Amino acid sequence: MRAECGGCAHAVRECRASDAPLIYSVELSSFKPHDIYSPEILKFLCAYCGDSSYVYLACNDVVGYIITCIEGGAAHVISLAVRPEYRRRGIGRALLCTALNLLARGRVSEVFLEVRVSNEPALRLYTSAGFTISEVLRGYYGDGEDGYRLRLRDREAARRFCTGRRAAC
C-alpha cells in the first residue's frame, strides 16, 4: 500500500531486521516498560517472521508496526503499535489487516493475540474486527496485570473489516 499525504509518502512494507531500532522507538512511546521488547529480540522477530510482519512508513519514518509469526496453522500477532501522534488515523487497522489477510486468503485458520485487559482502544479495534476473548490470562504482564487472549477464525469477518477503509493522513 502506498499513498500521498500532504506531500509525504505513506506505505506499508515487510519488516526487515534493520528496522529493529525504529520499531524499538515506537515501542518506547507505546508500551509500559515491562512490555517493551529489546532491539535484539525485535531484530530476531523481524528476521524470523518478516514475511508476515510489517512496518507503516510516513515520510520514510517508521510510525507503526505489526509483528506476526505463523505458528502451525495460526497467525500470532506478537506486537502491534503506532506512535501516539499517529493514532486514530487508521494505521493500526491497516497493520492489523496484514495479519487478517492471512486468514482471509486461507494461509492460516485463525489469528490470535494477547492484550492487556485495560487497553480499551486496542480491545475496541480487535472486537470491531471480529476477535473474541478466548481466555483470561491471569498475571500475564510483567507488572501483574491480566491479559486476554483473543481469537478470530471467521474469514468473512476478516475480509469485511479490511475492505474499503484506508489509513488517513
Protein backbone atom coordinates (compact mmCIF):
# COMPACT_ATOMS: atom_id res chain seq x y z
CA MET A 1 0.00 0.00 0.00
CA ARG A 2 1.27 3.47 -0.97
CA ALA A 3 -0.39 6.86 -0.52
CA GLU A 4 0.48 10.55 -0.56
CA CYS A 5 -0.49 12.66 2.45
CA GLY A 6 0.40 16.34 2.49
CA GLY A 7 3.32 15.77 0.14
CA CYS A 8 4.62 12.92 2.27
CA ALA A 9 4.66 9.29 1.14
CA HIS A 10 2.93 6.70 3.33
CA ALA A 11 3.49 2.98 2.77
CA VAL A 12 3.24 -0.44 4.38
CA ARG A 13 6.12 -2.79 3.70
CA GLU A 14 7.54 -6.01 5.11
CA CYS A 15 9.57 -5.72 8.27
CA ARG A 16 13.35 -6.05 7.98
CA ALA A 17 15.85 -6.84 10.73
CA SER A 18 17.36 -3.39 10.10
CA ASP A 19 14.04 -1.83 11.19
CA ALA A 20 14.52 -3.04 14.79
CA PRO A 21 15.88 0.27 16.20
CA LEU A 22 12.99 2.22 14.64
CA ILE A 23 10.42 -0.30 15.89
CA TYR A 24 12.05 -0.10 19.32
CA SER A 25 11.46 3.67 19.38
CA VAL A 26 7.76 3.07 18.58
CA GLU A 27 7.64 0.57 21.45
CA LEU A 28 9.19 3.08 23.86
CA SER A 29 6.43 5.58 23.07
CA SER A 30 3.65 2.98 23.16
CA PHE A 31 4.14 0.46 25.94
CA LYS A 32 4.84 0.18 29.65
CA PRO A 33 8.49 -0.65 30.46
CA HIS A 34 7.58 -4.29 31.30
CA ASP A 35 6.14 -4.79 27.81
CA ILE A 36 8.95 -3.44 25.64
CA TYR A 37 10.93 -5.91 23.55
CA SER A 38 14.67 -5.34 23.30
CA PRO A 39 16.14 -4.26 19.95
CA GLU A 40 17.80 -7.68 19.72
CA ILE A 41 14.51 -9.54 20.11
CA LEU A 42 12.83 -7.21 17.61
CA LYS A 43 15.64 -7.84 15.14
CA PHE A 44 15.19 -11.60 15.56
CA LEU A 45 11.39 -11.37 15.18
CA CYS A 46 11.65 -9.24 12.02
CA ALA A 47 14.11 -11.71 10.54
CA TYR A 48 12.22 -14.85 11.61
CA CYS A 49 8.68 -13.57 10.96
CA GLY A 50 9.48 -10.97 8.30
CA ASP A 51 7.18 -12.35 5.60
CA SER A 52 4.15 -11.77 7.85
CA SER A 53 5.33 -8.67 9.75
CA TYR A 54 5.11 -5.09 8.51
CA VAL A 55 6.05 -1.50 9.21
CA TYR A 56 3.99 1.57 8.39
CA LEU A 57 6.11 4.37 6.96
CA ALA A 58 5.25 8.08 6.91
CA CYS A 59 7.85 10.32 5.25
CA ASN A 60 10.26 7.32 5.34
CA ASP A 61 9.94 7.09 9.14
CA VAL A 62 8.53 4.00 10.90
CA VAL A 63 5.44 5.25 12.74
CA GLY A 64 3.82 1.86 13.34
CA TYR A 65 4.45 -1.85 13.03
CA ILE A 66 2.97 -5.30 13.45
CA ILE A 67 4.96 -8.44 14.25
CA THR A 68 3.00 -11.56 13.25
CA CYS A 69 4.52 -15.04 13.37
CA ILE A 70 2.99 -18.10 11.73
CA GLU A 71 2.76 -20.91 14.28
CA GLY A 72 1.44 -24.11 12.74
CA GLY A 73 -1.84 -23.14 11.10
CA ALA A 74 -2.27 -19.92 13.10
CA ALA A 75 -1.02 -16.34 12.87
CA HIS A 76 0.12 -14.99 16.25
CA VAL A 77 0.18 -11.20 16.46
CA ILE A 78 3.15 -10.75 18.79
CA SER A 79 3.00 -6.96 18.87
CA LEU A 80 1.25 -4.05 17.17
CA ALA A 81 1.89 -0.38 17.93
CA VAL A 82 1.51 3.06 16.41
CA ARG A 83 3.27 6.23 17.61
CA PRO A 84 0.85 8.25 19.78
CA GLU A 85 0.83 11.25 17.43
CA TYR A 86 -0.25 9.00 14.51
CA ARG A 87 -3.07 7.16 16.30
CA ARG A 88 -6.76 7.30 15.30
CA ARG A 89 -5.86 7.63 11.60
CA GLY A 90 -6.47 4.02 10.56
CA ILE A 91 -2.81 2.98 10.74
CA GLY A 92 -3.41 0.31 13.38
CA ARG A 93 -6.30 -1.01 11.29
CA ALA A 94 -4.12 -1.13 8.15
CA LEU A 95 -1.43 -3.02 10.04
CA LEU A 96 -3.94 -5.42 11.63
CA CYS A 97 -5.28 -6.18 8.15
CA THR A 98 -1.89 -7.58 7.14
CA ALA A 99 -2.50 -10.36 9.69
CA LEU A 100 -6.21 -10.70 8.92
CA ASN A 101 -5.44 -11.12 5.23
CA LEU A 102 -3.50 -14.29 6.13
CA LEU A 103 -6.81 -15.65 7.43
CA ALA A 104 -8.99 -14.21 4.66
CA ARG A 105 -6.76 -15.75 1.98
CA GLY A 106 -6.64 -19.15 3.68
CA ARG A 107 -2.96 -19.16 4.64
CA VAL A 108 -3.92 -19.73 8.30
CA SER A 109 -7.06 -20.98 10.04
CA GLU A 110 -7.00 -18.39 12.82
CA VAL A 111 -5.35 -15.22 14.08
CA PHE A 112 -4.72 -14.80 17.80
CA LEU A 113 -3.11 -12.24 20.09
CA GLU A 114 -2.77 -11.13 23.67
CA VAL A 115 -3.80 -7.72 25.01
CA ARG A 116 -3.94 -6.03 28.42
CA VAL A 117 -7.43 -6.04 29.94
CA SER A 118 -7.02 -2.26 30.45
CA ASN A 119 -6.11 -1.48 26.82
CA GLU A 120 -9.56 -0.29 25.78
CA PRO A 121 -8.54 1.30 22.43
CA ALA A 122 -6.88 -1.94 21.31
CA LEU A 123 -9.83 -4.02 22.53
CA ARG A 124 -12.22 -1.82 20.52
CA LEU A 125 -10.10 -2.29 17.39
CA TYR A 126 -9.84 -6.05 17.83
CA THR A 127 -13.50 -6.65 18.67
CA SER A 128 -14.57 -4.46 15.72
CA ALA A 129 -12.54 -6.84 13.55
CA GLY A 130 -14.45 -9.82 14.97
CA PHE A 131 -11.99 -11.08 17.59
CA THR A 132 -13.49 -12.70 20.68
CA ILE A 133 -11.98 -13.37 24.08
CA SER A 134 -10.95 -17.00 24.29
CA GLU A 135 -9.07 -16.89 27.58
CA VAL A 136 -8.27 -14.65 30.54
CA LEU A 137 -4.54 -14.74 31.26
CA ARG A 138 -4.10 -14.08 34.98
CA GLY A 139 -0.99 -12.03 35.81
CA TYR A 140 0.17 -12.28 32.18
CA TYR A 141 2.06 -8.98 32.07
CA GLY A 142 5.27 -8.22 33.94
CA ASP A 143 3.55 -5.77 36.29
CA GLY A 144 0.94 -8.40 37.21
CA GLU A 145 -1.92 -7.10 35.06
CA ASP A 146 -4.18 -9.69 33.49
CA GLY A 147 -4.40 -10.13 29.76
CA TYR A 148 -6.91 -11.51 27.31
CA ARG A 149 -6.17 -13.96 24.54
CA LEU A 150 -8.31 -13.04 21.57
CA ARG A 151 -9.01 -15.22 18.53
CA LEU A 152 -10.53 -14.76 15.12
CA ARG A 153 -11.40 -17.69 12.86
CA ASP A 154 -14.08 -16.08 10.67
CA ARG A 155 -12.58 -15.45 7.20
CA GLU A 156 -15.58 -13.33 6.12
CA ALA A 157 -15.29 -11.09 9.19
CA ALA A 158 -11.61 -10.57 8.37
CA ARG A 159 -12.48 -9.69 4.76
CA ARG A 160 -15.24 -7.28 5.76
CA PHE A 161 -13.04 -5.48 8.29
CA CYS A 162 -10.27 -4.98 5.77
CA THR A 163 -12.40 -3.91 2.81
CA GLY A 164 -12.82 -0.27 1.92
CA ARG A 165 -11.30 1.77 4.74
CA ARG A 166 -7.80 3.16 4.25
CA ALA A 167 -5.46 4.91 6.63
CA ALA A 168 -5.88 8.71 6.68
CA CYS A 169 -3.19 11.35 6.95
